[in-house]
Protein backbone atom coordinates (compact mmCIF):
# COMPACT_ATOMS: atom_id res chain seq x y z
CA MET A 1 101.80 79.70 71.93
CA PRO A 2 100.13 82.38 69.75
CA ARG A 3 101.58 83.10 66.29
CA ASN A 4 103.49 86.32 65.69
CA LEU A 5 101.23 88.50 63.63
CA SER A 6 103.43 91.55 63.68
CA TRP A 7 105.09 90.74 60.33
CA ARG A 8 103.42 90.58 56.93
CA PRO A 9 104.55 91.25 53.33
CA VAL A 10 104.45 94.87 52.24
CA PRO A 11 102.70 95.24 48.86
CA ASN A 12 104.47 97.03 46.04
CA ARG A 13 103.56 100.68 46.59
CA ALA A 14 104.16 101.58 42.98
CA LEU A 15 101.58 99.02 41.86
CA ILE A 16 99.06 100.32 44.37
CA LEU A 17 99.65 103.93 43.26
CA GLY A 18 99.25 102.96 39.58
CA ALA A 19 96.02 101.16 40.28
CA MET A 20 94.66 104.16 42.20
CA LEU A 21 95.55 106.54 39.39
CA ALA A 22 93.89 104.31 36.79
CA LEU A 23 90.69 104.42 38.82
CA ALA A 24 90.86 108.11 39.57
CA THR A 25 91.84 109.41 36.15
CA PRO A 26 88.82 109.94 33.87
CA GLY A 27 89.08 108.92 30.25
CA THR A 28 91.81 106.33 30.72
CA ALA A 29 89.45 103.56 29.62
CA TYR A 30 85.85 103.16 28.66
CA ALA A 31 83.47 100.66 27.11
CA ASN A 32 81.30 101.65 24.15
CA THR A 33 77.77 100.84 25.30
CA VAL A 34 76.16 101.14 21.85
CA ALA A 35 74.29 97.95 20.96
CA VAL A 36 72.10 97.43 17.87
CA THR A 37 69.64 94.69 17.03
CA VAL A 38 68.28 94.41 13.47
CA LYS A 39 64.56 93.76 13.28
CA THR A 40 62.71 92.70 10.14
CA PRO A 41 59.36 90.97 9.57
CA GLY A 42 60.54 89.45 6.30
CA ALA A 43 59.25 90.11 2.86
CA THR A 44 55.84 91.47 1.87
CA SER A 45 54.73 90.60 -1.66
CA GLY A 46 54.41 93.42 -4.11
CA PRO A 47 53.98 95.91 -5.57
CA ALA A 48 51.64 93.72 -7.57
CA SER A 49 50.39 96.15 -10.23
CA ALA A 50 51.96 98.72 -12.51
CA ASN A 51 52.50 102.27 -11.26
CA SER A 52 51.74 101.40 -7.66
CA GLU A 53 53.53 100.92 -4.34
CA VAL A 54 53.42 98.77 -1.22
CA SER A 55 54.33 99.91 2.30
CA THR A 56 55.54 97.64 5.06
CA HIS A 57 57.31 98.23 8.37
CA ALA A 58 59.84 96.85 10.88
CA ASP A 59 59.43 97.61 14.58
CA CYS A 60 61.78 97.83 17.58
CA SER A 61 60.36 95.94 20.53
CA GLY A 62 63.24 97.35 22.56
CA GLY A 63 65.48 100.32 21.91
CA LEU A 64 65.04 103.23 19.51
CA VAL A 65 65.27 103.34 15.74
CA SER A 66 68.64 104.80 14.77
CA GLY A 67 68.17 104.08 11.08
CA GLY A 68 66.66 101.53 8.76
CA GLY A 69 66.61 100.02 5.32
CA ILE A 70 64.75 98.25 2.52
CA ASN A 71 65.47 95.32 0.22
CA GLN A 72 63.46 94.40 -2.89
CA ALA A 73 64.49 90.86 -3.77
CA ILE A 74 64.13 90.58 -7.51
CA GLY A 75 67.54 89.48 -8.66
CA THR A 76 69.55 91.40 -11.27
CA GLY A 77 67.85 90.50 -14.52
CA ALA A 78 65.34 92.30 -16.71
CA SER A 79 62.57 91.57 -14.19
CA GLY A 80 64.04 94.31 -12.00
CA ASN A 81 63.42 97.11 -14.51
CA GLY A 82 60.09 98.18 -12.96
CA ASN A 83 60.82 97.68 -9.25
CA HIS A 84 62.26 100.62 -7.25
CA VAL A 85 62.56 102.15 -3.80
CA ASP A 86 60.00 104.82 -3.05
CA GLY A 87 60.86 105.22 0.61
CA THR A 88 62.98 104.11 3.56
CA ALA A 89 61.84 106.27 6.44
CA PRO A 90 60.98 106.51 10.15
CA SER A 91 57.33 106.28 11.34
CA SER A 92 55.56 106.98 14.59
CA ASP A 93 53.50 103.79 14.49
CA GLY A 94 54.50 101.70 11.47
CA THR A 95 51.83 103.23 9.27
CA THR A 96 51.82 107.01 9.60
CA GLU A 97 54.29 108.92 7.45
CA TYR A 98 56.00 112.20 8.34
CA THR A 99 54.99 114.29 5.34
CA GLY A 100 53.38 117.36 6.96
CA SER A 101 55.18 120.23 8.63
CA THR A 102 58.97 120.36 8.50
CA GLY A 103 61.32 120.49 11.48
CA VAL A 104 61.30 118.12 14.47
CA VAL A 105 58.39 115.79 13.70
CA GLY A 106 58.91 112.94 16.14
CA THR A 107 60.82 111.81 19.25
CA ASP A 108 62.02 108.40 20.43
CA VAL A 109 60.61 106.68 17.29
CA THR A 110 60.58 102.88 17.20
CA HIS A 111 59.23 102.05 13.70
CA TRP A 112 60.72 102.04 10.17
CA LEU A 113 58.92 101.98 6.85
CA GLY A 114 59.98 100.28 3.63
CA VAL A 115 58.05 101.51 0.59
CA GLY A 116 58.53 99.69 -2.69
CA GLY A 117 57.20 101.00 -5.99
CA SER A 118 56.69 99.74 -9.50
CA GLY A 119 56.88 101.34 -12.91
CA GLY A 120 55.25 100.01 -16.05
CA GLN A 121 56.71 96.53 -15.58
CA VAL A 122 55.58 94.17 -12.85
CA ASN A 123 56.86 90.74 -11.88
CA ALA A 124 55.36 88.16 -9.52
CA SER A 125 58.69 87.92 -7.71
CA PHE A 126 58.54 91.57 -6.52
CA SER A 127 58.71 91.90 -2.74
CA THR A 128 59.56 94.57 -0.19
CA THR A 129 61.47 93.89 3.05
CA PRO A 130 61.98 96.62 5.70
CA TYR A 131 64.76 96.71 8.35
CA ALA A 132 64.87 98.65 11.62
CA MET A 133 68.17 99.31 13.44
CA CYS A 134 67.20 99.16 17.09
CA LEU A 135 69.62 101.14 19.22
CA SER A 136 70.50 100.77 22.88
CA SER A 137 73.03 103.17 24.45
CA SER A 138 73.77 104.64 27.86
CA LEU A 139 74.29 108.04 26.27
CA LEU A 140 72.34 108.11 23.03
CA ASN A 141 69.10 107.15 24.71
CA HIS A 142 66.73 109.74 23.20
CA THR A 143 66.19 110.67 19.56
CA GLN A 144 64.51 113.27 17.40
CA VAL A 145 63.37 112.97 13.77
CA VAL A 146 63.97 116.11 11.66
CA MET A 147 62.13 116.25 8.33
CA ASN A 148 62.60 118.60 5.36
CA LYS A 149 60.75 118.47 2.06
CA ALA A 150 60.57 120.24 -1.28
CA ASN A 151 58.39 120.19 -4.39
CA THR A 152 61.16 118.65 -6.47
CA PRO A 153 62.01 117.51 -9.11
CA THR A 154 59.52 119.11 -11.46
CA THR A 155 61.30 118.24 -14.68
CA GLY A 156 62.37 114.84 -15.94
CA ALA A 157 65.84 113.40 -15.31
CA THR A 158 66.90 116.20 -12.98
CA VAL A 159 68.12 115.91 -9.40
CA GLY A 160 65.54 116.74 -6.73
CA LEU A 161 67.74 117.09 -3.61
CA VAL A 162 66.50 117.89 -0.10
CA THR A 163 68.47 118.04 3.15
CA ALA A 164 67.40 117.75 6.77
CA THR A 165 69.79 119.01 9.49
CA CYS A 166 70.01 118.00 13.13
CA PRO A 167 69.58 120.67 15.81
CA ALA A 168 72.67 122.03 17.61
CA ASN A 169 74.18 119.85 20.34
CA THR A 170 72.79 116.62 18.90
CA ARG A 171 74.41 113.83 16.86
CA LEU A 172 73.18 112.49 13.53
CA ILE A 173 72.93 108.69 13.84
CA GLY A 174 70.89 107.79 10.75
CA GLY A 175 68.46 108.98 8.12
CA GLY A 176 65.96 108.18 5.40
CA ALA A 177 64.18 109.34 2.32
CA ARG A 178 60.73 109.30 0.68
CA THR A 179 59.23 110.35 -2.65
CA THR A 180 55.54 110.94 -3.40
CA PRO A 181 53.24 110.35 -5.17
CA GLY A 182 53.82 106.65 -5.57
CA ASN A 183 51.51 106.06 -8.51
CA THR A 184 53.43 107.84 -11.24
CA GLY A 185 55.68 104.90 -12.06
CA GLY A 186 58.76 106.84 -13.09
CA PHE A 187 59.20 108.76 -9.80
CA LYS A 188 61.50 107.18 -7.16
CA THR A 189 64.11 107.70 -4.49
CA ILE A 190 67.62 107.30 -5.93
CA ALA A 191 69.72 108.53 -2.98
CA SER A 192 69.68 108.69 0.82
CA PHE A 193 72.99 109.68 2.45
CA PRO A 194 74.77 111.46 5.33
CA THR A 195 76.21 114.93 4.70
CA PHE A 196 77.10 118.25 6.33
CA SER A 197 75.30 121.62 6.34
CA ASN A 198 78.38 123.56 5.37
CA SER A 199 79.84 125.15 2.23
CA ALA A 200 82.51 122.44 1.88
CA HIS A 201 79.71 119.94 1.27
CA ALA A 202 77.61 122.36 -0.77
CA PHE A 203 75.09 122.43 2.09
CA GLY A 204 74.08 118.84 1.68
CA ALA A 205 74.59 118.32 -2.02
CA LYS A 206 78.02 116.68 -1.55
CA ALA A 207 77.94 113.46 0.48
CA ALA A 208 80.02 112.65 3.57
CA ALA A 209 83.25 110.88 2.61
CA ASP A 210 84.89 107.74 3.97
CA GLY A 211 86.46 108.41 7.38
CA GLU A 212 84.71 111.69 8.08
CA THR A 213 83.17 112.04 11.52
CA ASN A 214 80.01 113.52 12.98
CA PRO A 215 77.98 114.56 9.89
CA ASP A 216 75.06 116.73 10.94
CA SER A 217 72.60 116.29 8.07
CA TRP A 218 70.87 113.76 5.82
CA SER A 219 70.07 114.22 2.13
CA ALA A 220 67.51 112.57 -0.12
CA VAL A 221 67.27 112.66 -3.92
CA GLY A 222 64.12 112.14 -5.97
CA TRP A 223 64.37 111.23 -9.67
CA ASP A 224 61.64 111.17 -12.27
CA SER A 225 61.69 109.91 -15.84
CA GLY A 226 59.07 112.47 -16.78
CA ALA A 227 57.87 115.84 -15.55
CA ASP A 228 55.30 116.10 -12.78
CA SER A 229 54.48 119.27 -10.80
CA ALA A 230 53.15 117.12 -7.92
CA ASP A 231 56.50 115.48 -7.15
CA TYR A 232 57.76 115.85 -3.53
CA THR A 233 60.99 114.62 -2.04
CA TYR A 234 61.46 114.17 1.73
CA ALA A 235 64.64 113.85 3.81
CA TYR A 236 64.74 112.53 7.37
CA ALA A 237 67.60 112.97 9.87
CA ILE A 238 67.63 110.77 12.99
CA CYS A 239 69.34 112.86 15.70
CA SER A 240 70.26 112.13 19.33
CA GLY A 241 67.73 113.86 21.63
CA SER A 242 68.08 117.29 23.16
CA GLY A 243 69.40 117.62 26.72
CA ILE A 244 72.14 115.01 26.14
CA ASN A 245 75.82 115.95 26.25
CA VAL A 246 76.99 114.22 23.07
CA SER A 247 80.53 115.67 23.06
CA GLY A 248 82.00 112.24 23.87
CA ALA A 249 80.10 110.42 21.12
CA THR A 250 81.59 109.88 17.66
CA VAL A 251 79.81 108.81 14.50
CA LYS A 252 82.18 107.72 11.75
CA VAL A 253 81.24 107.39 8.08
CA ARG A 254 82.38 104.49 5.94
CA PHE A 255 81.81 104.84 2.18
CA ALA A 256 82.35 102.92 -1.01
CA GLU A 257 81.58 103.65 -4.66
CA VAL A 258 81.66 101.17 -7.55
CA SER A 259 81.13 101.64 -11.27
CA GLY A 260 77.83 100.56 -12.77
CA PRO A 261 75.35 99.42 -13.65
CA THR A 262 75.93 100.78 -17.14
CA THR A 263 74.17 98.18 -19.31
CA GLY A 264 70.40 98.15 -19.66
CA SER A 265 68.38 95.73 -17.48
CA THR A 266 71.29 94.92 -15.17
CA GLY A 267 72.10 95.43 -11.49
CA GLN A 268 75.01 96.39 -9.26
CA THR A 269 75.78 96.28 -5.53
CA ALA A 270 78.23 98.10 -3.23
CA THR A 271 79.11 97.32 0.38
CA ALA A 272 80.80 99.34 3.15
CA GLY A 273 81.41 98.38 6.75
CA CYS A 274 82.54 99.56 10.18
CA ALA A 275 86.21 98.88 10.84
CA GLN A 276 87.62 97.87 14.25
CA GLY A 277 87.48 100.83 16.53
CA ASP A 278 84.79 102.63 14.52
CA GLY A 279 81.94 101.65 16.83
CA LYS A 280 78.71 99.78 16.06
CA LEU A 281 76.71 99.96 12.82
CA VAL A 282 73.69 102.15 13.50
CA GLY A 283 72.47 103.01 9.99
CA GLY A 284 73.41 103.45 6.36
CA GLY A 285 72.55 104.98 3.02
CA ALA A 286 72.63 104.24 -0.70
CA ALA A 287 72.58 105.94 -4.09
CA VAL A 288 72.64 105.35 -7.80
CA SER A 289 74.41 108.38 -9.19
CA GLY A 290 76.69 110.02 -11.70
CA GLY A 291 79.65 109.19 -9.47
CA SER A 292 82.14 111.17 -7.34
CA VAL A 293 79.37 112.02 -4.87
CA THR A 294 81.82 112.90 -2.03
CA THR A 295 83.87 115.33 -4.08
CA THR A 296 81.24 117.02 -6.26
CA ALA A 297 77.62 117.99 -5.80
CA PHE A 298 75.28 115.06 -6.44
CA THR A 299 74.56 114.34 -10.09
CA GLY A 300 72.06 111.89 -11.49
CA PRO A 301 72.84 108.51 -13.14
CA GLY A 302 73.21 108.03 -16.86
CA SER A 303 69.58 107.09 -17.61
CA HIS A 304 66.24 108.33 -16.38
CA GLY A 305 65.18 104.73 -15.68
CA ASP A 306 67.94 103.94 -13.17
CA HIS A 307 66.79 103.19 -9.63
CA LEU A 308 67.63 101.72 -6.25
CA ASN A 309 66.46 98.22 -5.32
CA GLY A 310 67.87 98.17 -1.83
CA SER A 311 69.65 99.84 1.09
CA PHE A 312 70.08 97.42 3.97
CA PRO A 313 72.28 95.96 6.76
CA SER A 314 74.31 93.04 5.46
CA THR A 315 77.23 90.69 5.69
CA SER A 316 80.62 91.61 4.22
CA GLY A 317 79.47 89.76 1.07
CA GLY A 318 76.37 91.96 0.62
CA VAL A 319 73.83 89.42 1.89
CA ALA A 320 71.01 90.95 3.91
CA VAL A 321 71.08 89.92 7.58
CA GLY A 322 68.16 88.26 9.34
CA ASP A 323 65.78 89.26 12.12
CA GLY A 324 67.43 89.54 15.51
CA THR A 325 71.00 89.99 14.22
CA THR A 326 73.18 91.81 16.79
CA THR A 327 76.50 91.69 14.97
CA ALA A 328 75.73 93.47 11.69
CA ALA A 329 78.70 95.61 10.66
CA TYR A 330 78.10 96.24 6.94
CA TRP A 331 75.63 98.12 4.72
CA THR A 332 74.79 97.28 1.13
CA ALA A 333 73.32 99.34 -1.70
CA SER A 334 71.56 97.60 -4.62
CA SER A 335 70.93 99.48 -7.86
CA HIS A 336 69.46 98.65 -11.23
CA THR A 337 69.13 100.20 -14.69
CA GLY A 338 65.94 100.39 -16.69
CA GLY A 339 65.84 99.06 -20.19
CA GLN A 340 68.47 101.56 -21.52
CA SER A 341 72.22 101.72 -21.22
CA SER A 342 73.49 104.13 -18.55
CA PRO A 343 77.01 105.39 -19.22
CA GLY A 344 78.90 106.86 -16.24
CA THR A 345 76.54 105.48 -13.62
CA ALA A 346 77.85 104.56 -10.15
CA THR A 347 76.48 102.77 -7.06
CA ASP A 348 77.26 104.35 -3.68
CA VAL A 349 76.90 103.05 -0.14
CA TRP A 350 77.42 104.54 3.37
CA ALA A 351 77.69 102.84 6.74
CA LEU A 352 77.38 104.91 9.96
CA CYS A 353 79.31 103.58 12.93
CA ALA A 354 78.70 105.00 16.43
CA ASP A 355 80.77 105.00 19.61
CA ASP A 356 79.10 106.76 22.59
CA GLY A 357 82.38 107.06 24.55
CA VAL A 358 80.77 105.81 27.75
């Protein structure tokens, strides 16, 4: 005898309706598709002679460069007096520098330069390590590099600040800085940070603060112990490409500032990181400054010999991450004084965290 198939349980209609609404209503849930892999070739020895520099690069085998960094592993003792950052910047091929015309100078760049310089003191332990932040995202899948430059500073111990601003309808996701020439010894990059092209931020002179979202510009600061009319400072903004609707993407700034170094021949570090819900670490910046950089226009540190030794992706404890890391969530700044005391000096660090809203 055949079974009676006329009866069957009736599903809960409220549950079915709720499930249909969840599927049909946009914006009820999403998964951030931003993924970042850190690439670094390791350390390159040098600079090996006084008043010189060494350039090395990190390359993205997959993805686009959203930002990058540099680390000059020399410890925190007197041996660090002569070693400084000359540049942390994007490159079209790992060798060529964007130092010509200003404006949009590159698209979908996949290389990052780390340029280390030396002053009058050289140590055999000097080395330069570059880092590339290699971005993959369903939305932020094209980038532009915007460069601005200025013949600054032209007098010693004065701030040479330059700002590059992203085009309309794009998102800033990282940035870099460069100073030339690299053979003057006392000239170096002391700041590279996110900012805004508005009056509230003094059009790039006041840095983005902790918790602010969607900065549109990147500033660089050159600092020279002497006076040189040939000094140039370059700022680079890494922006999401044109033709992309970035309204759903959010870039959040995380910032920290610590006092020091204030004693001659000593170092200091500062670390900031992406909190839960901020998105993925896509880049960062660093500075050695006169402090209060998010509330006042940038001022220089307490001594003309102060310099940066690093700006790089790290652990929460400030240790640089290795090649292939996919979970980096922190950025560290490493600074150092010269041989003189440096009252009022601060070390600043920024982490940029991106959520594409996809």
